[in-house]
C-alpha atoms as a PDB file:
ATOM      1  CA  MET A   1      -4.850  22.249 -14.758  1.00  0.00           C
ATOM      2  CA  SER A   2      -4.021  21.916 -10.839  1.00  0.00           C
ATOM      3  CA  HIS A   3      -0.948  19.486  -9.918  1.00  0.00           C
ATOM      4  CA  THR A   4      -0.269  17.590  -6.233  1.00  0.00           C
ATOM      5  CA  VAL A   5       3.556  17.164  -5.267  1.00  0.00           C
ATOM      6  CA  ILE A   6       4.325  15.529  -2.352  1.00  0.00           C
ATOM      7  CA  PRO A   7       8.472  15.625  -2.224  1.00  0.00           C
ATOM      8  CA  ASP A   8       8.855  12.396   0.298  1.00  0.00           C
ATOM      9  CA  VAL A   9       5.977  10.467   1.334  1.00  0.00           C
ATOM     10  CA  THR A  10       8.284   8.488   3.479  1.00  0.00           C
ATOM     11  CA  GLU A  11       7.985  12.410   5.933  1.00  0.00           C
ATOM     12  CA  ILE A  12       4.717  12.149   6.338  1.00  0.00           C
ATOM     13  CA  LEU A  13       4.586   8.627   7.174  1.00  0.00           C
ATOM     14  CA  ASP A  14       6.274   7.625   9.867  1.00  0.00           C
ATOM     15  CA  ILE A  15       6.655   3.817  11.150  1.00  0.00           C
ATOM     16  CA  PRO A  16       4.979   3.273  13.969  1.00  0.00           C
ATOM     17  CA  ASP A  17       6.431   1.083  16.802  1.00  0.00           C
ATOM     18  CA  ASP A  18       4.826  -2.400  16.919  1.00  0.00           C
ATOM     19  CA  GLY A  19       1.762  -0.648  15.040  1.00  0.00           C
ATOM     20  CA  THR A  20       0.345   0.290  11.289  1.00  0.00           C
ATOM     21  CA  LEU A  21      -0.591   3.712   9.806  1.00  0.00           C
ATOM     22  CA  SER A  22      -2.953   4.581   7.160  1.00  0.00           C
ATOM     23  CA  LYS A  23      -3.449   7.891   5.592  1.00  0.00           C
ATOM     24  CA  VAL A  24      -5.354   9.726   2.967  1.00  0.00           C
ATOM     25  CA  LEU A  25      -2.725  11.240   0.451  1.00  0.00           C
ATOM     26  CA  TYR A  26      -5.024  11.855  -2.236  1.00  0.00           C
ATOM     27  CA  ARG A  27      -8.919  11.691  -2.937  1.00  0.00           C
ATOM     28  CA  ASP A  28     -10.219  12.987  -6.447  1.00  0.00           C
ATOM     29  CA  ASP A  29     -13.592  11.929  -8.429  1.00  0.00           C
ATOM     30  CA  ARG A  30     -11.172   9.080 -10.025  1.00  0.00           C
ATOM     31  CA  ILE A  31      -8.585   8.210  -7.716  1.00  0.00           C
ATOM     32  CA  ARG A  32      -7.814   8.085  -3.818  1.00  0.00           C
ATOM     33  CA  VAL A  33      -3.998   7.430  -2.791  1.00  0.00           C
ATOM     34  CA  VAL A  34      -3.496   5.796   0.863  1.00  0.00           C
ATOM     35  CA  GLY A  35      -0.276   5.705   2.127  1.00  0.00           C
ATOM     36  CA  PHE A  36       0.474   2.609   4.726  1.00  0.00           C
ATOM     37  CA  ALA A  37       3.441   2.521   7.321  1.00  0.00           C
ATOM     38  CA  PHE A  38       4.525  -0.390   8.916  1.00  0.00           C
ATOM     39  CA  ASP A  39       6.553  -1.892  11.638  1.00  0.00           C
ATOM     40  CA  ALA A  40       8.340  -5.434  10.679  1.00  0.00           C
ATOM     41  CA  GLY A  41       5.084  -8.284  11.087  1.00  0.00           C
ATOM     42  CA  GLN A  42       2.303  -5.987  11.456  1.00  0.00           C
ATOM     43  CA  GLU A  43      -0.221  -7.082   8.195  1.00  0.00           C
ATOM     44  CA  LEU A  44      -3.461  -6.012   6.581  1.00  0.00           C
ATOM     45  CA  THR A  45      -5.235  -9.265   6.611  1.00  0.00           C
ATOM     46  CA  GLU A  46      -6.996 -11.050   3.786  1.00  0.00           C
ATOM     47  CA  HIS A  47      -9.865  -8.725   2.270  1.00  0.00           C
ATOM     48  CA  THR A  48     -10.915  -7.620  -0.796  1.00  0.00           C
ATOM     49  CA  ALA A  49     -11.678  -3.865  -2.419  1.00  0.00           C
ATOM     50  CA  ALA A  50     -14.557  -3.191  -4.326  1.00  0.00           C
ATOM     51  CA  VAL A  51     -12.270  -1.238  -7.358  1.00  0.00           C
ATOM     52  CA  PRO A  52      -9.328  -2.594  -9.077  1.00  0.00           C
ATOM     53  CA  ALA A  53      -5.888  -0.957  -7.191  1.00  0.00           C
ATOM     54  CA  VAL A  54      -2.135  -0.766  -7.223  1.00  0.00           C
ATOM     55  CA  LEU A  55       0.398  -1.453  -4.831  1.00  0.00           C
ATOM     56  CA  GLN A  56       3.593   0.409  -5.085  1.00  0.00           C
ATOM     57  CA  VAL A  57       6.069  -0.092  -2.274  1.00  0.00           C
ATOM     58  CA  VAL A  58       7.983   2.767  -0.953  1.00  0.00           C
ATOM     59  CA  SER A  59      10.502   1.336   1.322  1.00  0.00           C
ATOM     60  CA  GLY A  60      10.677  -2.178   3.096  1.00  0.00           C
ATOM     61  CA  ARG A  61       9.827  -5.733   1.681  1.00  0.00           C
ATOM     62  CA  PHE A  62       6.220  -6.950   1.730  1.00  0.00           C
ATOM     63  CA  LYS A  63       4.953 -10.703   1.370  1.00  0.00           C
ATOM     64  CA  VAL A  64       1.715 -10.137  -0.663  1.00  0.00           C
ATOM     65  CA  THR A  65      -1.068 -12.934  -1.020  1.00  0.00           C
ATOM     66  CA  LEU A  66      -2.891 -12.220  -4.030  1.00  0.00           C
ATOM     67  CA  GLY A  67      -5.143 -14.971  -4.266  1.00  0.00           C
ATOM     68  CA  ASP A  68      -3.633 -18.187  -4.377  1.00  0.00           C
ATOM     69  CA  ASP A  69      -0.291 -16.553  -5.250  1.00  0.00           C
ATOM     70  CA  GLU A  70       2.208 -15.285  -2.515  1.00  0.00           C
ATOM     71  CA  VAL A  71       5.164 -12.516  -4.064  1.00  0.00           C
ATOM     72  CA  VAL A  72       7.948 -10.428  -1.606  1.00  0.00           C
ATOM     73  CA  VAL A  73       7.810  -7.109  -2.990  1.00  0.00           C
ATOM     74  CA  GLY A  74      10.097  -4.107  -2.658  1.00  0.00           C
ATOM     75  CA  PRO A  75      10.402  -0.630  -3.554  1.00  0.00           C
ATOM     76  CA  GLU A  76      11.340  -1.840  -7.180  1.00  0.00           C
ATOM     77  CA  ALA A  77       8.268  -3.587  -7.384  1.00  0.00           C
ATOM     78  CA  TRP A  78       4.812  -2.802  -9.564  1.00  0.00           C
ATOM     79  CA  VAL A  79       1.099  -4.422  -8.457  1.00  0.00           C
ATOM     80  CA  HIS A  80      -2.308  -3.996 -10.219  1.00  0.00           C
ATOM     81  CA  MET A  81      -4.870  -6.014  -8.194  1.00  0.00           C
ATOM     82  CA  ASP A  82      -8.380  -6.290 -10.177  1.00  0.00           C
ATOM     83  CA  ALA A  83     -11.494  -5.395  -8.375  1.00  0.00           C
ATOM     84  CA  HIS A  84     -12.619  -8.180  -5.568  1.00  0.00           C
ATOM     85  CA  LEU A  85      -9.344  -9.965  -5.368  1.00  0.00           C
ATOM     86  CA  GLN A  86      -8.747 -11.197  -1.851  1.00  0.00           C
ATOM     87  CA  HIS A  87      -5.309 -10.479  -1.242  1.00  0.00           C
ATOM     88  CA  ALA A  88      -3.042  -9.796   2.094  1.00  0.00           C
ATOM     89  CA  VAL A  89       0.035  -7.905   3.429  1.00  0.00           C
ATOM     90  CA  VAL A  90       2.769  -8.618   5.839  1.00  0.00           C
ATOM     91  CA  ALA A  91       5.400  -5.933   6.403  1.00  0.00           C
ATOM     92  CA  LEU A  92       9.193  -8.290   6.157  1.00  0.00           C
ATOM     93  CA  GLU A  93      10.622  -5.363   7.944  1.00  0.00           C
ATOM     94  CA  PRO A  94       9.891  -1.534   8.791  1.00  0.00           C
ATOM     95  CA  SER A  95       7.941  -0.954   5.406  1.00  0.00           C
ATOM     96  CA  VAL A  96       5.883   2.156   3.595  1.00  0.00           C
ATOM     97  CA  LEU A  97       3.694   1.377   0.844  1.00  0.00           C
ATOM     98  CA  LEU A  98       1.033   3.470  -1.708  1.00  0.00           C
ATOM     99  CA  LEU A  99      -2.457   1.978  -2.404  1.00  0.00           C
ATOM    100  CA  THR A 100      -4.016   3.712  -5.140  1.00  0.00           C
ATOM    101  CA  LEU A 101      -7.874   2.859  -5.463  1.00  0.00           C
ATOM    102  CA  LEU A 102      -9.199   2.845  -9.061  1.00  0.00           C
ATOM    103  CA  ARG A 103     -12.812   4.009  -9.655  1.00  0.00           C
END
């Protein structure tokens, strides 16, 4: 059995000044994990994903829109989204999150 270890996600996801960074951290035939680093005020506008997805905040805080609901989440949060759910994220401060796409 193989494994993958990323000791510190924040070391490979530097938060850009006035921007957003995305990087695929892991991929196999079942999941894809994408790391995002956002400066304060940066966002991913409303969109959908063709597969279910999970958001995990590593650092910072986000305003997340999930369909008609809006929540503020931080590092203690875990968010599951069904496929095709309209969603958006806005970084309220410099922040890092992981997006896991479930195939």
